[in-house]
Amino acid sequence: MAQDVNSPNFTIGVIGTGTMGRGIAQISVTGGFRVKMFDAQEGAAEKAQEFIHRMVSRAAEKGQMSEQDATAANGRLQIVGSLDEMADCGMVIEAIVENLDVKRAVFGELEGLVAEDTILASNTSSLSVTQIAAGCAKPERVAGFHFFNPVPLLKVVEVVDGEMTAPWVADKLDAIARKCGHEPVRTQDTPGFLVNHAGRGLYTEGVRILAEGIAEAHQVDDVMREGGANFRMGPFELMDTTGLDVSGVVMESIYEQFYQEPRFRPQAFIRNRMAAGLHGRKVGRGFYTYEDNKKVVPAAPAAPTDLPDSVWIGPEGHASTQVLADFLKGKVEIETGAKPSARAICMVAPMGRDATMTAIDLGIEAERTVAVDTLFGLEGRRTLMTTSVTDEGVRDLAHGVLASDGGAVTVIHDSPGFIAQRVIATIVNISSEIAQMRIATPEDINKAVSLGLAYPQGPLEFGDRLGASKIHAILTAMHDFYGDPRYRPSPWLTRRARLGISLMTPEA
């Protein structure tokens, strides 16, 4: 009979006392568990114990827990000198080097020491739980229990089912996570598990935009932060924070592990930047430069002040066009006839299409046409996109009127889907495919990304907020233009868009 996690004697073993191991041990003792820590490196466990005691005591000083509870938590932490002393543990989690052979060896040794119902968990972020378990005599009791750094602050943990993991194992890990104050999300054993898998779109589409010369790195970040999507950081700020030596490797690894699935395809310049050592904040130079560990932001050029005599808006009858018309009302004369007058500049608001092809299809001059992204409305930063041949004067007049109320404007080159449309659509599409593949439930997908990546909304919530049919239309238009299967809509998204139902709707 498996040990009861609510028993005061339930003990968690933690192997490896680096940043992740000590974080796991800390939340475990504050969650009421006894913890035994082991590290093969001399003195490492003692340093981890000192750190945990300090963090727990500091929490009491800040009023986050009582002095009595802090003392009790610190008293539940024990250092052991060998794996033999973990024999009475109800669960053992390893947080050691990301090496398959080493993890298998540790679990193989543990199997001869612990009880048959002891869970063996791995905090691996990149290795297959199934492959780790394959080296065990009882693979059904092996699962992934993947926390995020810093463990005490990021309140989500992935409970990963290997191919042989027994249902009771994941259920018990769920209960342990909740006692530790964390939200468990269940996921199947696939590359990147859930959080890193669902988070691919922000990175891969961001680097695709940069590779195509559509916008500069800081422009992409500005739009994703300030253009209505309200991300805390854009993709390039995130890569500089994580370190390209880490995020670049993950990008390539997930692409290869999914047998070169086009949705996860990285760009060649990433490898060159890695080779050049442009790893980001920690080395003072990445997509941005850093002085005294502070990001140096390129100075934004002043917005033009001249306004056009009139603006023709097309095509009529589209919701995106109406957003643009409402914004321009009272700022400039608006034309909405079948064709623009000779003195008007032309503004269009396509979804998933570029400015050039929109102008051609509408039968208007590309030289006096610009496009504006209205996906998130025009309350925040606006994105202005030129055609391949837009006159500079026309561009500046359009910039002037968009900035006439003091709002920020980002001017980019032509692109199907601007910046926000293509990034958000890619994020929603990848998460839709995760749901379609039954890797995780829609609820856990949203929870994992919101908590693990600090997105302003879960991916499927984003899709519902904007409308599944709109996301589908953006992807379809991009797929038609590029002919690239990276933009093919997921069946999960396609069916729900056609039915007019929420992306959270489970299969019948």
Protein backbone atom coordinates (compact mmCIF):
# COMPACT_ATOMS: atom_id res chain seq x y z
CA MET A 1 0.00 0.00 0.00
CA ALA A 2 1.46 3.39 -1.03
CA GLN A 3 2.38 5.76 1.79
CA ASP A 4 -0.12 8.49 2.65
CA VAL A 5 1.23 11.92 1.65
CA ASN A 6 -0.79 13.46 4.49
CA SER A 7 1.05 11.43 7.10
CA PRO A 8 3.48 13.51 9.21
CA ASN A 9 6.04 10.79 8.58
CA PHE A 10 5.90 10.98 4.77
CA THR A 11 9.46 11.76 3.70
CA ILE A 12 10.73 13.19 0.43
CA GLY A 13 14.25 12.44 -0.70
CA VAL A 14 16.04 15.07 -2.78
CA ILE A 15 19.16 14.09 -4.69
CA GLY A 16 21.22 17.03 -5.92
CA THR A 17 21.27 20.26 -3.92
CA GLY A 18 21.99 22.86 -6.56
CA THR A 19 19.59 25.67 -7.41
CA MET A 20 16.70 23.36 -8.32
CA GLY A 21 17.28 20.74 -5.63
CA ARG A 22 17.46 23.24 -2.79
CA GLY A 23 14.35 25.01 -4.11
CA ILE A 24 12.42 21.72 -4.14
CA ALA A 25 13.64 20.89 -0.65
CA GLN A 26 12.60 24.35 0.60
CA ILE A 27 9.00 24.16 -0.63
CA SER A 28 8.77 20.57 0.62
CA VAL A 29 9.68 21.39 4.24
CA THR A 30 7.43 24.47 4.25
CA GLY A 31 4.68 22.24 2.85
CA GLY A 32 4.95 20.00 5.91
CA PHE A 33 7.09 17.17 4.55
CA ARG A 34 10.18 15.68 6.10
CA VAL A 35 13.04 15.98 3.63
CA LYS A 36 16.30 14.08 3.29
CA MET A 37 18.92 15.76 1.07
CA PHE A 38 21.90 14.08 -0.55
CA ASP A 39 24.64 15.45 -2.77
CA ALA A 40 27.73 13.55 -3.90
CA GLN A 41 29.78 16.77 -3.89
CA GLU A 42 31.37 17.34 -0.54
CA GLY A 43 29.90 20.30 1.34
CA ALA A 44 27.15 20.98 -1.21
CA ALA A 45 24.31 19.68 0.94
CA GLU A 46 25.50 21.72 3.93
CA LYS A 47 25.53 24.91 1.83
CA ALA A 48 22.03 24.10 0.59
CA GLN A 49 20.82 23.55 4.14
CA GLU A 50 22.21 26.91 5.25
CA PHE A 51 20.52 28.59 2.29
CA ILE A 52 17.14 26.96 2.98
CA HIS A 53 17.27 27.83 6.69
CA ARG A 54 18.03 31.43 5.74
CA MET A 55 15.17 31.63 3.21
CA VAL A 56 12.65 30.07 5.58
CA SER A 57 13.70 32.37 8.44
CA ARG A 58 13.49 35.38 6.12
CA ALA A 59 9.93 34.38 5.18
CA ALA A 60 9.04 34.47 8.88
CA GLU A 61 10.65 37.88 9.26
CA LYS A 62 8.49 39.18 6.41
CA GLY A 63 5.36 37.81 8.03
CA GLN A 64 4.81 35.19 5.33
CA MET A 65 4.79 32.44 7.97
CA SER A 66 4.98 32.29 11.75
CA GLU A 67 8.24 31.89 13.66
CA GLN A 68 6.92 28.60 14.99
CA ASP A 69 6.15 27.27 11.52
CA ALA A 70 9.58 28.40 10.26
CA THR A 71 11.34 26.60 13.10
CA ALA A 72 9.31 23.47 12.45
CA ALA A 73 10.06 23.61 8.70
CA ASN A 74 13.79 23.96 9.25
CA GLY A 75 13.63 21.08 11.70
CA ARG A 76 12.17 18.80 9.03
CA LEU A 77 15.28 19.15 6.83
CA GLN A 78 17.96 16.49 7.17
CA ILE A 79 21.25 15.89 5.35
CA VAL A 80 22.15 12.26 4.64
CA GLY A 81 25.54 10.91 3.66
CA SER A 82 24.44 8.15 1.30
CA LEU A 83 21.50 6.95 -0.79
CA ASP A 84 21.06 4.07 1.67
CA GLU A 85 19.53 6.52 4.13
CA MET A 86 16.67 7.24 1.72
CA ALA A 87 15.22 3.77 2.22
CA ASP A 88 12.18 5.07 4.16
CA CYS A 89 11.26 7.84 1.68
CA GLY A 90 7.81 7.80 0.10
CA MET A 91 9.13 9.73 -2.89
CA VAL A 92 12.63 10.49 -4.14
CA ILE A 93 13.26 13.22 -6.69
CA GLU A 94 16.56 13.71 -8.48
CA ALA A 95 17.73 17.16 -9.55
CA ILE A 96 21.15 16.20 -10.86
CA VAL A 97 23.04 16.65 -14.12
CA GLU A 98 21.01 16.35 -17.36
CA ASN A 99 22.62 13.08 -18.41
CA LEU A 100 20.49 10.04 -19.20
CA ASP A 101 23.07 7.45 -18.13
CA VAL A 102 23.72 9.19 -14.80
CA LYS A 103 20.02 9.46 -13.99
CA ARG A 104 19.44 5.81 -14.89
CA ALA A 105 22.33 4.76 -12.67
CA VAL A 106 20.95 6.69 -9.69
CA PHE A 107 17.45 5.27 -10.12
CA GLY A 108 18.90 1.79 -10.57
CA GLU A 109 20.70 2.08 -7.23
CA LEU A 110 17.63 3.50 -5.51
CA GLU A 111 15.43 0.61 -6.66
CA GLY A 112 17.46 -1.76 -4.49
CA LEU A 113 17.06 0.47 -1.43
CA VAL A 114 13.53 1.91 -1.29
CA ALA A 115 10.14 0.26 -0.86
CA GLU A 116 8.24 -1.04 -3.87
CA ASP A 117 5.67 1.75 -3.61
CA THR A 118 8.23 4.58 -3.42
CA ILE A 119 7.87 7.03 -6.29
CA LEU A 120 11.01 7.81 -8.25
CA ALA A 121 10.69 11.26 -9.83
CA SER A 122 12.95 13.25 -12.10
CA ASN A 123 13.18 17.03 -12.31
CA THR A 124 14.56 16.70 -15.84
CA SER A 125 13.71 19.53 -18.21
CA SER A 126 15.02 18.04 -21.44
CA LEU A 127 15.28 14.24 -21.19
CA SER A 128 12.53 11.72 -21.87
CA VAL A 129 10.96 10.38 -18.69
CA THR A 130 10.17 7.17 -20.56
CA GLN A 131 13.83 6.69 -21.45
CA ILE A 132 14.89 7.31 -17.85
CA ALA A 133 12.29 4.81 -16.62
CA ALA A 134 13.32 2.22 -19.21
CA GLY A 135 16.42 1.47 -17.15
CA CYS A 136 14.30 0.58 -14.09
CA ALA A 137 12.86 -2.78 -13.06
CA LYS A 138 9.59 -1.03 -12.14
CA PRO A 139 9.18 1.76 -14.73
CA GLU A 140 5.55 2.23 -13.71
CA ARG A 141 6.60 4.13 -10.57
CA VAL A 142 8.82 6.60 -12.44
CA ALA A 143 7.47 10.02 -13.46
CA GLY A 144 8.64 13.53 -14.23
CA PHE A 145 8.20 16.23 -11.59
CA HIS A 146 9.54 19.29 -13.35
CA PHE A 147 9.79 22.54 -11.38
CA PHE A 148 10.86 25.94 -12.68
CA ASN A 149 13.53 28.31 -11.42
CA PRO A 150 13.17 29.93 -8.93
CA VAL A 151 11.15 27.08 -7.46
CA PRO A 152 9.60 28.97 -4.49
CA LEU A 153 8.33 31.77 -6.76
CA LEU A 154 7.15 29.96 -9.90
CA LYS A 155 4.13 28.14 -8.51
CA VAL A 156 3.71 25.50 -11.19
CA VAL A 157 5.13 22.01 -11.61
CA GLU A 158 4.75 19.63 -14.54
CA VAL A 159 3.67 16.12 -13.58
CA VAL A 160 4.94 14.07 -16.51
CA ASP A 161 3.54 10.64 -17.37
CA GLY A 162 6.02 8.35 -19.06
CA GLU A 163 4.69 5.62 -21.32
CA MET A 164 4.68 3.16 -18.39
CA THR A 165 3.81 5.50 -15.50
CA ALA A 166 0.96 4.14 -13.35
CA PRO A 167 -2.01 6.50 -12.77
CA TRP A 168 -1.60 6.43 -8.97
CA VAL A 169 1.92 7.86 -9.29
CA ALA A 170 0.78 11.06 -11.03
CA ASP A 171 -2.18 11.37 -8.66
CA LYS A 172 0.16 11.25 -5.67
CA LEU A 173 2.55 13.78 -7.23
CA ASP A 174 -0.45 16.07 -7.73
CA ALA A 175 -1.21 15.86 -4.01
CA ILE A 176 2.43 16.48 -3.05
CA ALA A 177 2.61 19.54 -5.31
CA ARG A 178 -0.52 21.07 -3.82
CA LYS A 179 0.76 20.56 -0.26
CA CYS A 180 3.93 22.38 -1.32
CA GLY A 181 1.84 25.33 -2.53
CA HIS A 182 2.30 24.61 -6.24
CA GLU A 183 -0.19 24.07 -9.05
CA PRO A 184 0.39 20.72 -10.80
CA VAL A 185 -0.22 20.44 -14.54
CA ARG A 186 -0.44 16.99 -16.10
CA THR A 187 1.38 16.29 -19.33
CA GLN A 188 2.43 13.36 -21.43
CA ASP A 189 6.11 12.65 -22.03
CA THR A 190 6.84 14.71 -25.15
CA PRO A 191 9.78 17.00 -26.04
CA GLY A 192 9.62 20.14 -23.94
CA PHE A 193 6.81 18.57 -21.88
CA LEU A 194 4.11 21.26 -21.62
CA VAL A 195 5.54 24.69 -20.72
CA ASN A 196 8.56 24.67 -23.04
CA HIS A 197 6.48 23.04 -25.78
CA ALA A 198 3.65 25.58 -25.58
CA GLY A 199 6.15 28.44 -25.31
CA ARG A 200 7.84 27.73 -28.64
CA GLY A 201 5.68 30.09 -30.68
CA LEU A 202 6.87 33.33 -29.06
CA TYR A 203 10.49 32.45 -29.75
CA THR A 204 10.32 30.75 -33.14
CA GLU A 205 8.01 33.31 -34.74
CA GLY A 206 9.97 36.17 -33.20
CA VAL A 207 13.22 34.95 -34.74
CA ARG A 208 11.45 34.28 -38.05
CA ILE A 209 10.30 37.92 -38.17
CA LEU A 210 13.85 39.08 -37.50
CA ALA A 211 15.34 36.68 -40.06
CA GLU A 212 12.94 37.94 -42.72
CA GLY A 213 13.97 41.55 -42.16
CA ILE A 214 10.46 42.62 -41.19
CA ALA A 215 11.47 44.39 -37.97
CA GLU A 216 14.36 44.83 -35.54
CA ALA A 217 14.52 42.81 -32.32
CA HIS A 218 13.57 45.76 -30.12
CA GLN A 219 10.61 46.56 -32.38
CA VAL A 220 9.23 43.03 -31.99
CA ASP A 221 9.64 43.26 -28.22
CA ASP A 222 8.01 46.70 -28.09
CA VAL A 223 4.96 45.51 -30.02
CA MET A 224 4.52 42.36 -27.92
CA ARG A 225 4.78 44.36 -24.68
CA GLU A 226 2.90 47.53 -25.59
CA GLY A 227 0.74 46.68 -28.61
CA GLY A 228 -2.21 45.21 -26.76
CA ALA A 229 -0.97 41.67 -26.13
CA ASN A 230 0.68 42.96 -22.92
CA PHE A 231 3.49 40.44 -22.60
CA ARG A 232 5.86 41.23 -19.75
CA MET A 233 8.83 40.72 -22.09
CA GLY A 234 9.16 40.15 -25.82
CA PRO A 235 10.99 37.13 -27.28
CA PHE A 236 14.40 38.80 -27.60
CA GLU A 237 14.34 40.26 -24.10
CA LEU A 238 13.46 36.79 -22.85
CA MET A 239 16.28 35.13 -24.77
CA ASP A 240 18.74 37.70 -23.43
CA THR A 241 17.48 37.04 -19.90
CA THR A 242 17.60 33.25 -20.16
CA GLY A 243 20.81 33.26 -22.17
CA LEU A 244 21.00 32.28 -25.82
CA ASP A 245 23.36 29.47 -24.87
CA VAL A 246 20.34 27.95 -23.09
CA SER A 247 17.33 29.05 -25.14
CA GLY A 248 19.09 28.49 -28.47
CA VAL A 249 19.96 24.91 -27.53
CA VAL A 250 16.37 24.25 -26.40
CA MET A 251 15.05 25.72 -29.66
CA GLU A 252 17.18 23.37 -31.75
CA SER A 253 16.61 20.38 -29.47
CA ILE A 254 12.81 20.55 -29.56
CA TYR A 255 12.86 21.00 -33.35
CA GLU A 256 14.98 17.87 -33.77
CA GLN A 257 13.11 15.83 -31.16
CA PHE A 258 9.85 16.50 -33.01
CA TYR A 259 11.47 15.14 -36.19
CA GLN A 260 11.89 18.64 -37.64
CA GLU A 261 8.28 19.70 -37.24
CA PRO A 262 8.08 22.99 -39.24
CA ARG A 263 6.19 24.79 -36.46
CA PHE A 264 9.33 24.63 -34.30
CA ARG A 265 11.90 25.45 -36.98
CA PRO A 266 14.61 27.83 -35.68
CA GLN A 267 16.62 30.20 -37.87
CA ALA A 268 20.26 29.86 -38.92
CA PHE A 269 21.36 33.18 -37.44
CA ILE A 270 20.65 31.86 -33.93
CA ARG A 271 23.49 29.34 -34.22
CA ASN A 272 25.85 32.05 -35.47
CA ARG A 273 25.00 34.28 -32.51
CA MET A 274 25.59 31.38 -30.15
CA ALA A 275 28.99 30.76 -31.75
CA ALA A 276 29.84 34.43 -31.36
CA GLY A 277 29.06 34.28 -27.64
CA LEU A 278 26.19 36.80 -27.86
CA HIS A 279 24.39 35.11 -25.00
CA GLY A 280 22.62 38.12 -23.55
CA ARG A 281 22.54 39.95 -20.24
CA LYS A 282 25.05 37.71 -18.45
CA VAL A 283 27.81 38.60 -20.93
CA GLY A 284 26.71 42.20 -21.51
CA ARG A 285 25.73 41.67 -25.12
CA GLY A 286 22.98 39.81 -26.91
CA PHE A 287 20.09 41.16 -28.93
CA TYR A 288 20.63 44.22 -26.76
CA THR A 289 23.76 45.64 -25.17
CA TYR A 290 23.91 46.06 -21.39
CA GLU A 291 25.66 48.64 -19.28
CA ASP A 292 25.82 48.00 -15.52
CA ASN A 293 23.45 45.09 -16.20
CA LYS A 294 20.86 47.50 -17.61
CA LYS A 295 19.46 47.11 -21.11
CA VAL A 296 20.41 49.86 -23.53
CA VAL A 297 17.29 50.73 -25.53
CA PRO A 298 17.74 52.23 -29.02
CA ALA A 299 16.43 55.78 -29.18
CA ALA A 300 13.09 56.05 -30.96
CA PRO A 301 12.99 58.59 -33.82
CA ALA A 302 10.58 61.48 -33.41
CA ALA A 303 7.20 60.95 -35.01
CA PRO A 304 6.44 63.10 -38.09
CA THR A 305 4.02 65.95 -37.41
CA ASP A 306 2.52 66.48 -40.87
CA LEU A 307 -0.94 64.98 -41.44
CA PRO A 308 -2.49 63.83 -44.71
CA ASP A 309 -5.24 65.84 -46.41
CA SER A 310 -7.44 62.76 -46.34
CA VAL A 311 -7.26 59.01 -45.71
CA TRP A 312 -9.06 56.37 -47.74
CA ILE A 313 -9.87 53.30 -45.64
CA GLY A 314 -10.62 49.94 -47.14
CA PRO A 315 -12.09 47.51 -47.62
CA GLU A 316 -15.49 48.61 -46.34
CA GLY A 317 -17.54 46.38 -44.08
CA HIS A 318 -14.68 44.68 -42.24
CA ALA A 319 -14.51 44.90 -38.44
CA SER A 320 -10.78 45.63 -38.60
CA THR A 321 -11.42 48.54 -40.97
CA GLN A 322 -14.04 49.96 -38.61
CA VAL A 323 -11.50 49.98 -35.76
CA LEU A 324 -9.20 52.09 -37.92
CA ALA A 325 -12.06 54.40 -38.97
CA ASP A 326 -13.10 54.96 -35.35
CA PHE A 327 -9.53 55.88 -34.42
CA LEU A 328 -9.10 58.36 -37.29
CA LYS A 329 -12.48 60.03 -36.82
CA GLY A 330 -11.98 63.70 -35.94
CA LYS A 331 -8.25 63.57 -36.69
CA VAL A 332 -8.38 63.64 -40.47
CA GLU A 333 -10.85 63.58 -43.36
CA ILE A 334 -11.89 60.00 -44.06
CA GLU A 335 -12.85 58.58 -47.46
CA THR A 336 -14.70 55.27 -47.75
CA GLY A 337 -15.77 55.17 -51.40
CA ALA A 338 -15.02 52.39 -53.84
CA LYS A 339 -11.76 54.09 -54.84
CA PRO A 340 -9.57 56.75 -53.17
CA SER A 341 -9.42 60.30 -54.45
CA ALA A 342 -6.17 61.54 -55.97
CA ARG A 343 -5.19 63.43 -52.80
CA ALA A 344 -5.77 60.59 -50.30
CA ILE A 345 -3.31 58.18 -48.79
CA CYS A 346 -4.67 54.63 -48.47
CA MET A 347 -4.86 52.74 -45.17
CA VAL A 348 -5.83 49.07 -44.96
CA ALA A 349 -6.19 46.73 -41.98
CA PRO A 350 -5.61 43.15 -43.18
CA MET A 351 -5.72 40.03 -41.01
CA GLY A 352 -2.96 37.59 -41.88
CA ARG A 353 -2.21 39.28 -45.20
CA ASP A 354 0.53 41.69 -46.20
CA ALA A 355 0.09 45.27 -47.38
CA THR A 356 1.33 44.68 -50.92
CA MET A 357 -1.09 41.89 -51.82
CA THR A 358 -3.95 43.71 -50.08
CA ALA A 359 -3.35 46.79 -52.23
CA ILE A 360 -3.17 44.71 -55.40
CA ASP A 361 -6.40 42.84 -54.57
CA LEU A 362 -8.21 46.12 -53.82
CA GLY A 363 -6.98 47.67 -57.05
CA ILE A 364 -5.32 50.63 -55.32
CA GLU A 365 -1.82 52.01 -55.79
CA ALA A 366 0.72 50.20 -53.61
CA GLU A 367 2.88 53.36 -53.67
CA ARG A 368 0.35 55.26 -51.55
CA THR A 369 -0.80 52.35 -49.37
CA VAL A 370 0.10 51.44 -45.79
CA ALA A 371 -1.39 48.87 -43.42
CA VAL A 372 -2.27 49.12 -39.74
CA ASP A 373 -2.63 46.19 -37.32
CA THR A 374 -5.96 46.38 -35.47
CA LEU A 375 -5.89 42.92 -33.85
CA PHE A 376 -5.78 44.38 -30.34
CA GLY A 377 -7.34 47.71 -31.21
CA LEU A 378 -5.33 50.93 -31.28
CA GLU A 379 -5.21 51.91 -27.60
CA GLY A 380 -1.59 50.84 -27.14
CA ARG A 381 1.43 50.91 -29.44
CA ARG A 382 0.38 50.93 -33.10
CA THR A 383 2.06 48.96 -35.87
CA LEU A 384 2.32 50.64 -39.29
CA MET A 385 3.39 48.48 -42.22
CA THR A 386 4.48 49.63 -45.67
CA THR A 387 4.12 47.84 -48.98
CA SER A 388 7.24 46.96 -50.95
CA VAL A 389 6.98 50.29 -52.79
CA THR A 390 5.23 52.69 -50.39
CA ASP A 391 6.34 56.28 -50.93
CA GLU A 392 8.31 57.64 -47.95
CA GLY A 393 6.09 60.70 -47.83
CA VAL A 394 2.98 58.55 -47.61
CA ARG A 395 4.59 56.48 -44.84
CA ASP A 396 5.44 59.61 -42.86
CA LEU A 397 1.95 61.10 -43.25
CA ALA A 398 0.41 57.83 -42.03
CA HIS A 399 2.88 57.74 -39.12
CA GLY A 400 2.00 61.31 -38.26
CA VAL A 401 -1.74 60.73 -38.04
CA LEU A 402 -1.32 57.48 -36.05
CA ALA A 403 0.90 59.32 -33.56
CA SER A 404 -1.16 62.52 -33.48
CA ASP A 405 -2.63 61.70 -30.05
CA GLY A 406 0.84 61.03 -28.59
CA GLY A 407 0.67 57.26 -29.03
CA ALA A 408 3.76 55.21 -29.93
CA VAL A 409 4.06 53.83 -33.46
CA THR A 410 6.32 51.04 -34.73
CA VAL A 411 7.00 51.12 -38.48
CA ILE A 412 7.86 47.77 -40.07
CA HIS A 413 8.43 46.27 -43.51
CA ASP A 414 5.77 44.25 -45.29
CA SER A 415 4.71 40.98 -43.69
CA PRO A 416 1.69 38.70 -43.73
CA GLY A 417 0.32 39.08 -40.19
CA PHE A 418 2.38 42.09 -39.08
CA ILE A 419 4.11 41.14 -35.76
CA ALA A 420 1.42 40.55 -33.13
CA GLN A 421 -0.93 38.67 -35.45
CA ARG A 422 1.63 36.13 -36.54
CA VAL A 423 3.16 35.62 -33.08
CA ILE A 424 -0.17 35.24 -31.26
CA ALA A 425 -1.61 33.02 -33.99
CA THR A 426 1.45 30.77 -33.79
CA ILE A 427 1.22 30.55 -29.99
CA VAL A 428 -2.49 29.66 -30.15
CA ASN A 429 -1.93 27.15 -32.95
CA ILE A 430 0.83 25.24 -31.14
CA SER A 431 -1.27 25.00 -27.98
CA SER A 432 -4.25 23.86 -30.04
CA GLU A 433 -2.09 21.05 -31.40
CA ILE A 434 -1.02 20.11 -27.86
CA ALA A 435 -4.70 19.76 -26.98
CA GLN A 436 -5.34 17.82 -30.21
CA MET A 437 -2.53 15.36 -29.40
CA ARG A 438 -3.98 14.84 -25.88
CA ILE A 439 -0.65 15.86 -24.36
CA ALA A 440 -2.51 17.98 -21.80
CA THR A 441 -5.99 19.30 -21.16
CA PRO A 442 -6.95 22.80 -22.34
CA GLU A 443 -7.19 23.90 -18.69
CA ASP A 444 -3.68 22.67 -17.89
CA ILE A 445 -2.26 24.23 -21.05
CA ASN A 446 -3.53 27.65 -20.00
CA LYS A 447 -2.45 27.19 -16.39
CA ALA A 448 1.03 25.98 -17.32
CA VAL A 449 1.77 28.86 -19.65
CA SER A 450 0.25 31.55 -17.43
CA LEU A 451 2.16 30.40 -14.33
CA GLY A 452 5.29 28.98 -15.92
CA LEU A 453 5.93 31.66 -18.54
CA ALA A 454 4.03 34.59 -17.01
CA TYR A 455 2.00 35.18 -20.19
CA PRO A 456 -0.85 37.66 -19.65
CA GLN A 457 -3.30 34.92 -20.66
CA GLY A 458 -3.16 31.25 -21.43
CA PRO A 459 -2.76 30.49 -25.17
CA LEU A 460 -6.24 29.06 -25.64
CA GLU A 461 -7.70 31.94 -23.63
CA PHE A 462 -5.93 34.30 -26.05
CA GLY A 463 -7.55 32.42 -28.92
CA ASP A 464 -11.01 32.69 -27.40
CA ARG A 465 -10.52 36.38 -26.57
CA LEU A 466 -9.65 37.21 -30.18
CA GLY A 467 -11.88 34.57 -31.74
CA ALA A 468 -10.90 31.15 -33.04
CA SER A 469 -12.16 32.03 -36.52
CA LYS A 470 -9.94 35.13 -36.63
CA ILE A 471 -6.86 33.16 -35.53
CA HIS A 472 -7.69 30.51 -38.13
CA ALA A 473 -8.07 33.16 -40.85
CA ILE A 474 -4.69 34.71 -39.97
CA LEU A 475 -2.92 31.33 -40.13
CA THR A 476 -4.67 30.34 -43.36
CA ALA A 477 -3.68 33.61 -45.04
CA MET A 478 -0.06 33.20 -43.91
CA HIS A 479 -0.03 29.57 -45.06
CA ASP A 480 -1.41 30.57 -48.46
CA PHE A 481 1.23 33.29 -48.86
CA TYR A 482 4.31 31.37 -47.71
CA GLY A 483 3.31 27.83 -48.61
CA ASP A 484 5.10 26.87 -45.40
CA PRO A 485 3.53 24.08 -43.29
CA ARG A 486 4.66 25.87 -40.11
CA TYR A 487 1.49 27.95 -40.51
CA ARG A 488 -0.98 25.12 -41.16
CA PRO A 489 -3.86 25.39 -38.68
CA SER A 490 -4.24 22.62 -36.11
CA PRO A 491 -7.30 20.38 -36.55
CA TRP A 492 -8.33 21.39 -33.00
CA LEU A 493 -8.37 25.05 -34.03
CA THR A 494 -9.98 24.41 -37.42
CA ARG A 495 -12.92 22.45 -36.07
CA ARG A 496 -13.67 24.89 -33.25
CA ALA A 497 -13.37 27.87 -35.58
CA ARG A 498 -15.84 26.26 -38.00
CA LEU A 499 -18.24 25.32 -35.20
CA GLY A 500 -17.99 28.75 -33.60
CA ILE A 501 -17.15 27.28 -30.19
CA SER A 502 -14.49 27.88 -27.54
CA LEU A 503 -11.00 26.46 -27.94
CA MET A 504 -11.50 25.11 -24.41
CA THR A 505 -14.23 22.76 -25.64
CA PRO A 506 -13.11 19.15 -25.09
CA GLU A 507 -13.74 16.32 -27.52
CA ALA A 508 -17.14 14.66 -27.13
